[in-house]
């Protein structure tokens, strides 16, 4: 996947201001439930925007809103509007631009390119956002919604495994951050 019919920008909230003068036509904001809308959007040109609010978790936790099938349905519907927009420039952001945003980007690509190998999609995400660690719960929900039969989730496990092989010290950070299940799957 070297050429895509849309430009993607994946970032975190602290990076939003650097993209205010770009030609962004569509924005996907993934925010924590209580997070206010980022002030940086006041400086953006008019654009289509979808805001989803859920926590960056891969399993239900007390006081957290996990990604749910309804969130993925909204994301896929937004993806269909992007696909009808000609040559859009899409900015996807979450808090840090690592997990929810990269899982969203993968979901949109899985939808837009049903013939593409999921491994190629995750490799593309890794080139666009080298620090990517896509949210496995979101990918599993997208996998089911798109009828991929588990192929996207398995490809994500391989992607996570390759990332850990390059950066073994990342394992301790991820385990401390509640991603032990991802680590276990990546090393199977």
C-alpha atoms as a PDB file:
ATOM      1  CA  UNK A   1       0.000   0.000   0.000  1.00  0.00           C
ATOM      2  CA  UNK A   2       2.187   2.797  -1.189  1.00  0.00           C
ATOM      3  CA  UNK A   3      -0.487   5.061  -2.613  1.00  0.00           C
ATOM      4  CA  UNK A   4      -3.797   5.853  -0.980  1.00  0.00           C
ATOM      5  CA  UNK A   5      -6.632   7.999  -2.344  1.00  0.00           C
ATOM      6  CA  UNK A   6      -6.475  10.195   0.724  1.00  0.00           C
ATOM      7  CA  UNK A   7      -3.828  11.875   2.790  1.00  0.00           C
ATOM      8  CA  UNK A   8      -3.744  10.807   6.418  1.00  0.00           C
ATOM      9  CA  UNK A   9      -2.355  12.728   9.333  1.00  0.00           C
ATOM     10  CA  UNK A  10      -2.258  10.882  12.640  1.00  0.00           C
ATOM     11  CA  UNK A  11      -1.348  12.852  15.727  1.00  0.00           C
ATOM     12  CA  UNK A  12      -1.982  13.569  19.373  1.00  0.00           C
ATOM     13  CA  UNK A  13      -3.651  16.605  20.902  1.00  0.00           C
ATOM     14  CA  UNK A  14      -0.339  18.430  21.543  1.00  0.00           C
ATOM     15  CA  UNK A  15       0.437  18.272  17.794  1.00  0.00           C
ATOM     16  CA  UNK A  16      -2.894  19.612  16.512  1.00  0.00           C
ATOM     17  CA  UNK A  17      -1.779  23.231  16.230  1.00  0.00           C
ATOM     18  CA  UNK A  18       0.990  22.239  13.796  1.00  0.00           C
ATOM     19  CA  UNK A  19      -1.682  21.044  11.336  1.00  0.00           C
ATOM     20  CA  UNK A  20      -4.032  24.050  11.553  1.00  0.00           C
ATOM     21  CA  UNK A  21      -2.763  25.531   8.294  1.00  0.00           C
ATOM     22  CA  UNK A  22      -2.786  22.251   6.367  1.00  0.00           C
ATOM     23  CA  UNK A  23      -5.480  21.385   3.853  1.00  0.00           C
ATOM     24  CA  UNK A  24      -7.456  19.187   6.258  1.00  0.00           C
ATOM     25  CA  UNK A  25     -10.956  18.446   4.961  1.00  0.00           C
ATOM     26  CA  UNK A  26     -12.014  15.821   7.524  1.00  0.00           C
ATOM     27  CA  UNK A  27     -11.156  15.322  11.199  1.00  0.00           C
ATOM     28  CA  UNK A  28     -11.732  12.300  13.380  1.00  0.00           C
ATOM     29  CA  UNK A  29     -11.365  13.227  17.064  1.00  0.00           C
ATOM     30  CA  UNK A  30     -11.190  10.432  19.593  1.00  0.00           C
ATOM     31  CA  UNK A  31     -11.351  11.890  23.075  1.00  0.00           C
ATOM     32  CA  UNK A  32     -11.704  10.633  26.621  1.00  0.00           C
ATOM     33  CA  UNK A  33     -15.321  10.992  27.771  1.00  0.00           C
ATOM     34  CA  UNK A  34     -14.640  14.059  29.944  1.00  0.00           C
ATOM     35  CA  UNK A  35     -12.015  15.664  27.668  1.00  0.00           C
ATOM     36  CA  UNK A  36     -13.037  19.068  26.296  1.00  0.00           C
ATOM     37  CA  UNK A  37     -12.850  19.711  22.571  1.00  0.00           C
ATOM     38  CA  UNK A  38      -9.302  20.795  21.718  1.00  0.00           C
ATOM     39  CA  UNK A  39      -8.982  24.564  21.418  1.00  0.00           C
ATOM     40  CA  UNK A  40      -6.663  24.164  18.415  1.00  0.00           C
ATOM     41  CA  UNK A  41      -9.656  23.510  16.134  1.00  0.00           C
ATOM     42  CA  UNK A  42     -10.599  27.203  16.333  1.00  0.00           C
ATOM     43  CA  UNK A  43      -7.623  27.826  14.024  1.00  0.00           C
ATOM     44  CA  UNK A  44      -8.520  25.133  11.462  1.00  0.00           C
ATOM     45  CA  UNK A  45     -10.291  25.892   8.193  1.00  0.00           C
ATOM     46  CA  UNK A  46     -13.861  24.556   7.893  1.00  0.00           C
ATOM     47  CA  UNK A  47     -13.905  20.763   7.838  1.00  0.00           C
ATOM     48  CA  UNK A  48     -16.137  17.751   8.437  1.00  0.00           C
ATOM     49  CA  UNK A  49     -15.577  16.348  11.903  1.00  0.00           C
ATOM     50  CA  UNK A  50     -16.635  13.313  13.886  1.00  0.00           C
ATOM     51  CA  UNK A  51     -15.920  13.211  17.618  1.00  0.00           C
ATOM     52  CA  UNK A  52     -16.024   9.883  19.417  1.00  0.00           C
ATOM     53  CA  UNK A  53     -15.661   9.721  23.187  1.00  0.00           C
ATOM     54  CA  UNK A  54     -14.329   6.615  24.903  1.00  0.00           C
ATOM     55  CA  UNK A  55     -11.297   5.616  26.955  1.00  0.00           C
ATOM     56  CA  UNK A  56      -8.163   3.985  25.623  1.00  0.00           C
ATOM     57  CA  UNK A  57      -8.749   0.574  27.187  1.00  0.00           C
ATOM     58  CA  UNK A  58      -8.763  -2.915  25.713  1.00  0.00           C
ATOM     59  CA  UNK A  59     -11.025  -4.498  28.340  1.00  0.00           C
ATOM     60  CA  UNK A  60     -13.855  -3.143  30.481  1.00  0.00           C
ATOM     61  CA  UNK A  61     -12.551  -1.368  33.575  1.00  0.00           C
ATOM     62  CA  UNK A  62     -14.377   0.424  36.396  1.00  0.00           C
ATOM     63  CA  UNK A  63     -15.046   4.087  35.627  1.00  0.00           C
ATOM     64  CA  UNK A  64     -13.944   3.678  31.990  1.00  0.00           C
ATOM     65  CA  UNK A  65     -15.933   3.757  28.766  1.00  0.00           C
ATOM     66  CA  UNK A  66     -14.406   1.111  26.494  1.00  0.00           C
ATOM     67  CA  UNK A  67     -14.636   1.230  22.707  1.00  0.00           C
ATOM     68  CA  UNK A  68     -17.981  -0.317  21.730  1.00  0.00           C
ATOM     69  CA  UNK A  69     -19.612  -1.587  18.530  1.00  0.00           C
ATOM     70  CA  UNK A  70     -21.584   1.670  18.236  1.00  0.00           C
ATOM     71  CA  UNK A  71     -18.353   3.673  18.127  1.00  0.00           C
ATOM     72  CA  UNK A  72     -17.054   1.498  15.310  1.00  0.00           C
ATOM     73  CA  UNK A  73     -20.361   1.847  13.426  1.00  0.00           C
ATOM     74  CA  UNK A  74     -20.054   5.657  13.649  1.00  0.00           C
ATOM     75  CA  UNK A  75     -16.427   5.476  12.517  1.00  0.00           C
ATOM     76  CA  UNK A  76     -17.325   3.313   9.506  1.00  0.00           C
ATOM     77  CA  UNK A  77     -20.207   5.633   8.561  1.00  0.00           C
ATOM     78  CA  UNK A  78     -17.799   8.592   8.700  1.00  0.00           C
ATOM     79  CA  UNK A  79     -15.402   6.604   6.520  1.00  0.00           C
ATOM     80  CA  UNK A  80     -18.098   6.241   3.867  1.00  0.00           C
ATOM     81  CA  UNK A  81     -18.572  10.035   3.786  1.00  0.00           C
ATOM     82  CA  UNK A  82     -14.812  10.496   3.434  1.00  0.00           C
ATOM     83  CA  UNK A  83     -14.778   8.040   0.545  1.00  0.00           C
ATOM     84  CA  UNK A  84     -17.416  10.109  -1.236  1.00  0.00           C
ATOM     85  CA  UNK A  85     -15.441  13.342  -0.800  1.00  0.00           C
ATOM     86  CA  UNK A  86     -13.025  13.016  -3.711  1.00  0.00           C
ATOM     87  CA  UNK A  87      -9.439  13.551  -2.538  1.00  0.00           C
ATOM     88  CA  UNK A  88      -9.782  14.416   1.131  1.00  0.00           C
ATOM     89  CA  UNK A  89      -7.116  15.122   3.687  1.00  0.00           C
ATOM     90  CA  UNK A  90      -7.985  13.305   6.884  1.00  0.00           C
ATOM     91  CA  UNK A  91      -6.590  14.167  10.301  1.00  0.00           C
ATOM     92  CA  UNK A  92      -7.116  11.534  12.981  1.00  0.00           C
ATOM     93  CA  UNK A  93      -6.186  12.313  16.546  1.00  0.00           C
ATOM     94  CA  UNK A  94      -6.571  10.922  20.012  1.00  0.00           C
ATOM     95  CA  UNK A  95      -4.803  11.997  23.178  1.00  0.00           C
ATOM     96  CA  UNK A  96      -1.292  10.810  22.224  1.00  0.00           C
ATOM     97  CA  UNK A  97      -1.735   9.671  18.614  1.00  0.00           C
ATOM     98  CA  UNK A  98      -0.635   6.127  19.437  1.00  0.00           C
ATOM     99  CA  UNK A  99      -3.541   3.773  20.113  1.00  0.00           C
ATOM    100  CA  UNK A 100      -7.095   4.909  19.360  1.00  0.00           C
ATOM    101  CA  UNK A 101      -6.121   7.088  16.409  1.00  0.00           C
ATOM    102  CA  UNK A 102      -3.979   4.406  14.776  1.00  0.00           C
ATOM    103  CA  UNK A 103      -6.686   1.763  15.305  1.00  0.00           C
ATOM    104  CA  UNK A 104      -9.161   4.180  13.706  1.00  0.00           C
ATOM    105  CA  UNK A 105      -6.857   4.752  10.740  1.00  0.00           C
ATOM    106  CA  UNK A 106      -6.492   0.996  10.294  1.00  0.00           C
ATOM    107  CA  UNK A 107     -10.267   0.554  10.511  1.00  0.00           C
ATOM    108  CA  UNK A 108     -10.861   3.140   7.802  1.00  0.00           C
ATOM    109  CA  UNK A 109      -8.253   1.530   5.557  1.00  0.00           C
ATOM    110  CA  UNK A 110      -9.687  -1.949   6.151  1.00  0.00           C
ATOM    111  CA  UNK A 111     -13.049  -0.565   5.050  1.00  0.00           C
ATOM    112  CA  UNK A 112     -11.749   1.378   2.049  1.00  0.00           C
ATOM    113  CA  UNK A 113      -9.530  -1.457   0.801  1.00  0.00           C
ATOM    114  CA  UNK A 114     -11.357  -4.736   1.482  1.00  0.00           C
ATOM    115  CA  UNK A 115      -8.956  -6.592  -0.837  1.00  0.00           C
ATOM    116  CA  UNK A 116      -5.847  -5.367   1.008  1.00  0.00           C
ATOM    117  CA  UNK A 117      -3.957  -7.670   3.304  1.00  0.00           C
ATOM    118  CA  UNK A 118      -4.387  -6.473   6.892  1.00  0.00           C
ATOM    119  CA  UNK A 119      -0.627  -6.883   7.471  1.00  0.00           C
ATOM    120  CA  UNK A 120       0.020  -4.317   4.721  1.00  0.00           C
ATOM    121  CA  UNK A 121      -2.455  -1.926   6.332  1.00  0.00           C
ATOM    122  CA  UNK A 122      -0.766  -2.130   9.734  1.00  0.00           C
ATOM    123  CA  UNK A 123       2.661  -1.754   8.132  1.00  0.00           C
ATOM    124  CA  UNK A 124       1.370   1.387   6.401  1.00  0.00           C
ATOM    125  CA  UNK A 125       0.095   2.732   9.741  1.00  0.00           C
ATOM    126  CA  UNK A 126       3.515   2.020  11.241  1.00  0.00           C
ATOM    127  CA  UNK A 127       5.182   4.077   8.507  1.00  0.00           C
ATOM    128  CA  UNK A 128       2.740   6.975   8.932  1.00  0.00           C
ATOM    129  CA  UNK A 129       3.001   6.876  12.747  1.00  0.00           C
ATOM    130  CA  UNK A 130       6.116   4.954  13.900  1.00  0.00           C
ATOM    131  CA  UNK A 131       5.049   4.985  17.571  1.00  0.00           C
ATOM    132  CA  UNK A 132       1.738   3.270  16.672  1.00  0.00           C
ATOM    133  CA  UNK A 133       0.314   0.654  19.029  1.00  0.00           C
ATOM    134  CA  UNK A 134      -3.262   0.291  17.683  1.00  0.00           C
ATOM    135  CA  UNK A 135      -5.984  -0.441  20.247  1.00  0.00           C
ATOM    136  CA  UNK A 136      -6.692  -4.172  19.941  1.00  0.00           C
ATOM    137  CA  UNK A 137     -10.282  -3.912  21.188  1.00  0.00           C
ATOM    138  CA  UNK A 138     -11.111  -1.410  18.465  1.00  0.00           C
ATOM    139  CA  UNK A 139      -9.471  -3.577  15.807  1.00  0.00           C
ATOM    140  CA  UNK A 140     -11.381  -6.657  17.000  1.00  0.00           C
ATOM    141  CA  UNK A 141     -14.656  -4.726  16.808  1.00  0.00           C
ATOM    142  CA  UNK A 142     -13.780  -3.443  13.325  1.00  0.00           C
ATOM    143  CA  UNK A 143     -12.724  -6.931  12.271  1.00  0.00           C
ATOM    144  CA  UNK A 144     -16.183  -8.221  13.226  1.00  0.00           C
ATOM    145  CA  UNK A 145     -18.082  -5.277  11.716  1.00  0.00           C
ATOM    146  CA  UNK A 146     -16.244  -5.640   8.418  1.00  0.00           C
ATOM    147  CA  UNK A 147     -16.531  -9.420   8.300  1.00  0.00           C
ATOM    148  CA  UNK A 148     -12.769  -9.961   8.245  1.00  0.00           C
ATOM    149  CA  UNK A 149     -13.064 -13.196  10.244  1.00  0.00           C
ATOM    150  CA  UNK A 150     -10.291 -12.367  12.687  1.00  0.00           C
ATOM    151  CA  UNK A 151      -7.705 -11.583   9.978  1.00  0.00           C
ATOM    152  CA  UNK A 152      -7.237  -7.970  11.103  1.00  0.00           C
ATOM    153  CA  UNK A 153      -6.819  -8.973  14.746  1.00  0.00           C
ATOM    154  CA  UNK A 154      -4.219 -11.593  13.824  1.00  0.00           C
ATOM    155  CA  UNK A 155      -2.376  -9.078  11.651  1.00  0.00           C
ATOM    156  CA  UNK A 156      -2.396  -6.614  14.552  1.00  0.00           C
ATOM    157  CA  UNK A 157      -0.856  -9.254  16.823  1.00  0.00           C
ATOM    158  CA  UNK A 158       1.935  -9.738  14.279  1.00  0.00           C
ATOM    159  CA  UNK A 159       2.386  -5.958  14.006  1.00  0.00           C
ATOM    160  CA  UNK A 160       2.616  -5.681  17.793  1.00  0.00           C
ATOM    161  CA  UNK A 161       5.149  -8.540  17.784  1.00  0.00           C
ATOM    162  CA  UNK A 162       7.341  -6.789  15.201  1.00  0.00           C
ATOM    163  CA  UNK A 163       7.175  -3.557  17.172  1.00  0.00           C
ATOM    164  CA  UNK A 164       8.247  -5.358  20.352  1.00  0.00           C
ATOM    165  CA  UNK A 165      11.103  -7.064  18.508  1.00  0.00           C
ATOM    166  CA  UNK A 166      12.395  -3.618  17.469  1.00  0.00           C
ATOM    167  CA  UNK A 167      11.761  -2.025  20.879  1.00  0.00           C
ATOM    168  CA  UNK A 168      11.883  -4.677  23.619  1.00  0.00           C
ATOM    169  CA  UNK A 169      11.900  -2.039  26.394  1.00  0.00           C
ATOM    170  CA  UNK A 170       8.385  -1.062  25.292  1.00  0.00           C
ATOM    171  CA  UNK A 171       7.020  -4.231  26.911  1.00  0.00           C
ATOM    172  CA  UNK A 172       7.458  -2.925  30.458  1.00  0.00           C
ATOM    173  CA  UNK A 173       5.760   0.366  29.617  1.00  0.00           C
ATOM    174  CA  UNK A 174       2.831  -1.405  27.965  1.00  0.00           C
ATOM    175  CA  UNK A 175       2.391  -3.921  30.770  1.00  0.00           C
ATOM    176  CA  UNK A 176       2.365  -1.087  33.319  1.00  0.00           C
ATOM    177  CA  UNK A 177      -0.232   0.697  31.165  1.00  0.00           C
ATOM    178  CA  UNK A 178      -2.674  -2.222  31.179  1.00  0.00           C
ATOM    179  CA  UNK A 179      -1.719  -3.746  27.816  1.00  0.00           C
ATOM    180  CA  UNK A 180      -0.540  -7.099  29.142  1.00  0.00           C
ATOM    181  CA  UNK A 181      -3.099  -8.956  27.013  1.00  0.00           C
ATOM    182  CA  UNK A 182      -1.666  -7.300  23.880  1.00  0.00           C
ATOM    183  CA  UNK A 183       1.830  -8.341  24.934  1.00  0.00           C
ATOM    184  CA  UNK A 184       0.764 -11.922  25.563  1.00  0.00           C
ATOM    185  CA  UNK A 185      -0.918 -12.133  22.155  1.00  0.00           C
ATOM    186  CA  UNK A 186       2.029 -10.492  20.372  1.00  0.00           C
ATOM    187  CA  UNK A 187       4.466 -13.077  21.675  1.00  0.00           C
ATOM    188  CA  UNK A 188       2.379 -16.163  20.850  1.00  0.00           C
END
